[in-house]
Protein backbone atom coordinates (compact mmCIF):
# COMPACT_ATOMS: atom_id res chain seq x y z
CA MET A 1 -2.14 11.19 20.34
CA THR A 2 0.59 8.64 21.44
CA ASP A 3 3.46 11.24 21.12
CA LEU A 4 5.71 9.65 17.74
CA LYS A 5 8.01 12.63 17.09
CA LEU A 6 10.89 10.72 16.67
CA PRO A 7 10.49 7.66 14.14
CA GLN A 8 12.06 4.04 15.39
CA PHE A 9 13.70 1.59 13.05
CA LEU A 10 13.50 -2.38 11.88
CA THR A 11 17.01 -3.84 10.22
CA THR A 12 16.62 -5.98 7.32
CA LYS A 13 18.55 -9.02 6.45
CA SER A 14 20.64 -6.83 4.45
CA GLY A 15 20.96 -4.53 6.83
CA GLU A 16 18.70 -1.73 5.58
CA ARG A 17 16.68 0.21 8.02
CA ILE A 18 12.56 0.77 8.15
CA ALA A 19 11.52 3.76 9.80
CA TYR A 20 8.51 2.86 11.72
CA LYS A 21 6.01 5.17 13.59
CA MET A 22 3.60 3.14 16.17
CA SER A 23 0.67 3.32 18.71
CA ALA A 24 0.10 0.03 20.28
CA GLY A 25 -3.40 -0.18 21.44
CA ALA A 26 -5.18 -1.94 23.83
CA VAL A 27 -4.36 -5.05 25.82
CA ASP A 28 -6.90 -6.91 24.13
CA THR A 29 -5.41 -8.85 21.39
CA ASP A 30 -8.40 -9.73 19.75
CA VAL A 31 -8.70 -6.60 17.95
CA PRO A 32 -6.78 -6.62 14.71
CA THR A 33 -3.45 -3.93 14.95
CA LEU A 34 -3.87 -1.50 11.63
CA ILE A 35 -1.20 -1.34 9.38
CA TRP A 36 -0.83 1.75 6.59
CA CYS A 37 1.03 0.80 3.67
CA GLY A 38 1.47 3.72 1.55
CA GLY A 39 1.36 4.46 -2.36
CA LEU A 40 4.64 5.08 -4.62
CA LYS A 41 7.21 8.03 -3.69
CA SER A 42 4.24 8.65 -0.37
CA ASP A 43 5.56 8.44 3.36
CA MET A 44 4.37 8.05 6.76
CA GLU A 45 3.23 11.65 7.14
CA GLY A 46 1.26 11.62 4.83
CA GLY A 47 -2.38 13.56 5.88
CA LYS A 48 -4.39 9.75 4.88
CA ALA A 49 -1.87 7.87 7.15
CA THR A 50 -1.82 10.06 9.92
CA HIS A 51 -5.16 11.25 9.95
CA LEU A 52 -6.17 7.15 10.42
CA HIS A 53 -3.35 6.74 13.24
CA ALA A 54 -5.28 9.18 15.25
CA TRP A 55 -8.37 7.76 14.77
CA ALA A 56 -7.16 4.34 15.68
CA ASP A 57 -5.29 5.76 19.44
CA ALA A 58 -8.65 7.43 20.10
CA ARG A 59 -10.46 3.54 19.90
CA GLY A 60 -7.62 2.15 21.72
CA GLN A 61 -6.72 0.47 18.81
CA GLY A 62 -3.39 -0.43 17.45
CA PHE A 63 -1.68 1.68 14.33
CA ILE A 64 1.60 0.91 12.27
CA ARG A 65 3.09 3.70 9.94
CA PHE A 66 5.98 3.26 8.20
CA ASP A 67 8.66 4.06 4.97
CA TYR A 68 9.01 1.68 2.87
CA PHE A 69 12.39 1.13 1.62
CA GLY A 70 14.01 4.05 -0.44
CA HIS A 71 11.10 6.70 1.39
CA GLY A 72 11.07 9.07 3.74
CA GLN A 73 13.23 8.19 6.48
CA SER A 74 13.99 4.84 5.59
CA SER A 75 17.61 4.04 4.04
CA GLY A 76 18.12 3.46 0.51
CA ASP A 77 17.62 4.99 -2.61
CA PHE A 78 14.51 5.02 -4.09
CA ILE A 79 15.77 3.80 -7.66
CA ASP A 80 16.96 0.76 -6.66
CA GLY A 81 13.37 -0.65 -4.57
CA THR A 82 11.45 -2.56 -6.19
CA ILE A 83 7.49 -4.15 -5.72
CA SER A 84 8.99 -7.58 -4.59
CA ARG A 85 10.83 -5.52 -1.89
CA TRP A 86 8.18 -3.45 -0.91
CA ALA A 87 5.95 -6.25 0.04
CA LYS A 88 8.80 -7.85 1.93
CA ASP A 89 8.94 -4.51 4.17
CA VAL A 90 4.73 -5.13 4.78
CA THR A 91 6.07 -8.79 5.72
CA LEU A 92 8.87 -7.17 7.90
CA VAL A 93 6.61 -4.87 9.44
CA ARG A 94 4.07 -7.30 10.22
CA ASP A 95 6.14 -9.95 11.73
CA GLN A 96 8.64 -7.91 13.61
CA LEU A 97 5.63 -5.60 15.29
CA THR A 98 2.85 -7.47 16.09
CA THR A 99 1.68 -11.08 17.10
CA GLY A 100 -2.50 -10.51 16.81
CA PRO A 101 -4.48 -10.10 13.75
CA VAL A 102 -4.14 -6.77 11.11
CA ILE A 103 -5.79 -5.28 8.89
CA LEU A 104 -3.54 -4.17 6.16
CA ILE A 105 -4.65 -0.71 4.45
CA GLY A 106 -2.94 -0.14 1.11
CA SER A 107 -3.11 2.78 -1.18
CA SER A 108 -2.03 3.16 -4.39
CA MET A 109 0.98 0.89 -4.70
CA GLY A 110 0.58 -0.09 -1.29
CA GLY A 111 -2.82 -1.60 -2.68
CA TRP A 112 0.01 -4.05 -4.43
CA ALA A 113 2.57 -4.26 -1.86
CA ALA A 114 -0.34 -5.71 0.76
CA MET A 115 -2.13 -8.14 -1.49
CA LEU A 116 1.24 -10.27 -2.22
CA SER A 117 1.71 -10.06 1.68
CA ALA A 118 -1.11 -11.24 2.08
CA MET A 119 -0.87 -13.60 -0.60
CA GLN A 120 1.73 -16.11 1.57
CA LEU A 121 0.42 -17.76 4.31
CA THR A 122 -0.37 -15.61 6.55
CA PRO A 123 -3.92 -16.49 9.12
CA ASN A 124 -3.17 -13.24 11.53
CA VAL A 125 -3.97 -10.86 8.15
CA ALA A 126 -7.52 -10.79 9.44
CA GLY A 127 -8.59 -8.14 6.39
CA LEU A 128 -7.63 -5.87 3.72
CA VAL A 129 -8.65 -2.09 3.30
CA LEU A 130 -7.89 -0.74 -0.42
CA ILE A 131 -7.99 2.58 -1.12
CA ASN A 132 -7.60 3.06 -4.96
CA PRO A 133 -4.95 -0.07 -5.26
CA ALA A 134 -2.94 -0.25 -7.89
CA PRO A 135 -1.63 -3.84 -8.47
CA ASP A 136 0.53 -4.57 -11.50
CA PHE A 137 0.43 -0.87 -12.33
CA THR A 138 4.59 -1.66 -13.64
CA GLU A 139 3.06 -3.87 -16.57
CA LYS A 140 -0.48 -2.99 -17.10
CA LEU A 141 -0.81 1.38 -16.34
CA THR A 142 2.75 2.66 -16.58
CA LYS A 143 4.85 1.47 -19.13
CA ALA A 144 0.95 0.19 -21.47
CA ARG A 145 0.74 3.86 -21.60
CA TRP A 146 4.58 5.04 -22.88
CA SER A 147 5.43 6.30 -25.71
CA GLU A 148 7.74 4.77 -28.48
CA ALA A 149 10.76 7.02 -27.04
CA GLN A 150 9.74 6.10 -23.58
CA LEU A 151 9.90 2.41 -24.46
CA LYS A 152 13.66 3.60 -26.14
CA ALA A 153 15.05 5.40 -22.97
CA LEU A 154 14.03 2.07 -20.92
CA ASP A 155 15.60 0.03 -23.21
CA GLU A 156 19.07 2.21 -23.39
CA ASN A 157 19.22 4.29 -20.53
CA GLY A 158 17.76 1.94 -17.79
CA ILE A 159 15.15 4.89 -16.54
CA VAL A 160 11.96 6.50 -17.58
CA TYR A 161 11.27 9.81 -15.52
CA GLU A 162 7.83 11.40 -15.17
CA PRO A 163 6.72 14.05 -12.94
CA SER A 164 5.38 14.11 -9.76
CA GLY A 165 3.10 15.67 -7.31
CA TYR A 166 6.53 15.11 -4.72
CA ASP A 167 9.83 17.61 -5.02
CA GLU A 168 11.10 14.66 -7.16
CA PRO A 169 10.16 13.03 -10.01
CA TYR A 170 9.24 8.95 -10.44
CA ALA A 171 11.87 7.18 -11.60
CA TYR A 172 11.00 4.07 -13.02
CA SER A 173 13.72 1.87 -13.27
CA LYS A 174 14.36 -1.37 -15.57
CA THR A 175 14.86 -3.00 -11.88
CA LEU A 176 11.41 -2.32 -11.47
CA ILE A 177 8.81 -2.99 -14.52
CA GLU A 178 10.90 -6.20 -14.35
CA ASP A 179 10.50 -7.15 -10.99
CA GLY A 180 7.13 -5.84 -11.40
CA ARG A 181 6.05 -7.97 -14.43
CA LYS A 182 6.92 -11.24 -12.79
CA TYR A 183 4.90 -10.36 -9.44
CA GLN A 184 1.92 -9.42 -11.38
CA ILE A 185 -1.39 -10.56 -9.70
CA LEU A 186 -4.04 -9.92 -11.90
CA ASP A 187 -4.18 -12.38 -14.43
CA TYR A 188 -4.68 -15.53 -12.24
CA PRO A 189 -6.91 -16.14 -9.12
CA ILE A 190 -5.36 -14.45 -6.05
CA PRO A 191 -5.08 -16.68 -2.64
CA ILE A 192 -6.38 -13.97 -0.67
CA THR A 193 -9.34 -15.36 1.67
CA CYS A 194 -9.61 -13.03 4.37
CA PRO A 195 -12.50 -9.89 3.92
CA VAL A 196 -11.34 -7.42 1.90
CA ARG A 197 -13.15 -3.85 1.34
CA ILE A 198 -12.22 -1.50 -2.20
CA LEU A 199 -12.17 2.27 -1.89
CA GLN A 200 -12.15 3.78 -5.61
CA GLY A 201 -12.59 7.34 -6.94
CA TYR A 202 -14.47 7.30 -9.84
CA ASP A 203 -12.56 10.73 -10.85
CA ASP A 204 -9.43 9.03 -10.16
CA SER A 205 -6.94 9.82 -13.23
CA VAL A 206 -4.48 7.73 -11.70
CA VAL A 207 -5.73 4.00 -11.36
CA PRO A 208 -8.79 4.09 -13.39
CA TRP A 209 -11.60 2.15 -11.71
CA GLN A 210 -11.99 -0.63 -13.88
CA HIS A 211 -8.58 -1.33 -13.94
CA SER A 212 -9.17 -2.38 -9.35
CA LYS A 213 -12.28 -3.36 -10.09
CA LEU A 214 -10.18 -6.78 -11.41
CA ILE A 215 -9.20 -7.56 -8.14
CA VAL A 216 -13.12 -8.23 -7.21
CA ASP A 217 -13.51 -11.01 -10.39
CA MET A 218 -9.80 -12.49 -9.91
CA ILE A 219 -9.52 -13.08 -5.75
CA SER A 220 -10.73 -16.21 -4.01
CA SER A 221 -12.59 -14.77 -0.62
CA HIS A 222 -16.09 -14.04 -0.69
CA ASP A 223 -16.10 -11.78 1.74
CA VAL A 224 -15.55 -8.08 -0.82
CA THR A 225 -16.65 -5.03 -0.92
CA TYR A 226 -16.44 -2.19 -3.94
CA THR A 227 -17.42 1.20 -3.14
CA LEU A 228 -17.08 3.47 -6.57
CA VAL A 229 -16.71 6.74 -4.66
CA LYS A 230 -18.44 9.31 -7.36
CA GLY A 231 -16.19 12.64 -7.26
CA GLY A 232 -13.22 10.81 -5.46
CA ASP A 233 -9.52 11.13 -6.59
CA HIS A 234 -6.77 9.45 -6.69
CA SER A 235 -6.27 10.76 -3.13
CA LEU A 236 -9.47 9.47 -1.44
CA SER A 237 -8.55 12.34 1.46
CA ARG A 238 -11.90 14.29 1.43
CA PRO A 239 -13.46 14.09 4.53
CA GLN A 240 -16.59 11.96 3.42
CA ASP A 241 -13.85 9.61 2.34
CA LEU A 242 -11.35 9.60 5.07
CA ALA A 243 -15.36 8.95 6.98
CA LEU A 244 -15.76 5.51 4.04
CA ILE A 245 -12.35 4.14 5.10
CA GLU A 246 -13.13 4.70 8.77
CA THR A 247 -16.45 2.88 8.20
CA ALA A 248 -14.80 0.15 5.88
CA ILE A 249 -12.03 -0.49 9.14
CA ALA A 250 -14.40 -0.93 11.74
CA GLY A 251 -16.26 -2.89 9.58
CA ILE A 252 -14.01 -6.08 9.73
CA GLY A 253 -12.40 -5.20 13.16
């Protein structure tokens, strides 16, 4: 695999630095570059991201993984992040680092960010592979299950903390929630026409399969498959899960 010990950086219009690691792949410009869009509070060193990078390298296919604003080795504070800002990070990486077709691989929140990016008039998006995608999660999954005390804390303190699987808890700011409300996509037809492959864990306790399946109903594309993985959890990182992701990517390009 390409030696990727140190990240490179892109600079946003506001002066923030977005860390990324990239393998150029083969010379054939018709082969889509793969862009990994991770989940909330995850970073580009996660297991699925590094596994797929090695897999793409072995195929001679370009691969990019990056850290959103406020994540990993990128600049900024997580608390200042919003879904629209993270979607712009996807677009920045795509437009600055690639010239040919791309496949956006979005995991959980990254599925929402990838879809928002693909909804722009971007014919270079050759496909989407969505892993337990969580569009609209701030409003429909997170805020919807909050107690009265949590809703009051959001209103009075501007933030709600919840446990996470990371070193620090999830910090849901009022700005994040309000921004997420504006960028919901499941209530209207989703103007994405490229091939879409959705992989959903049946036992996912974070994103219920009934939620991600709404994408199938609302998306404009006629080339959509939805795979419900029995025994699969939110990570979908077992060997058989990774094999399914690889097959989904290879089936598009």
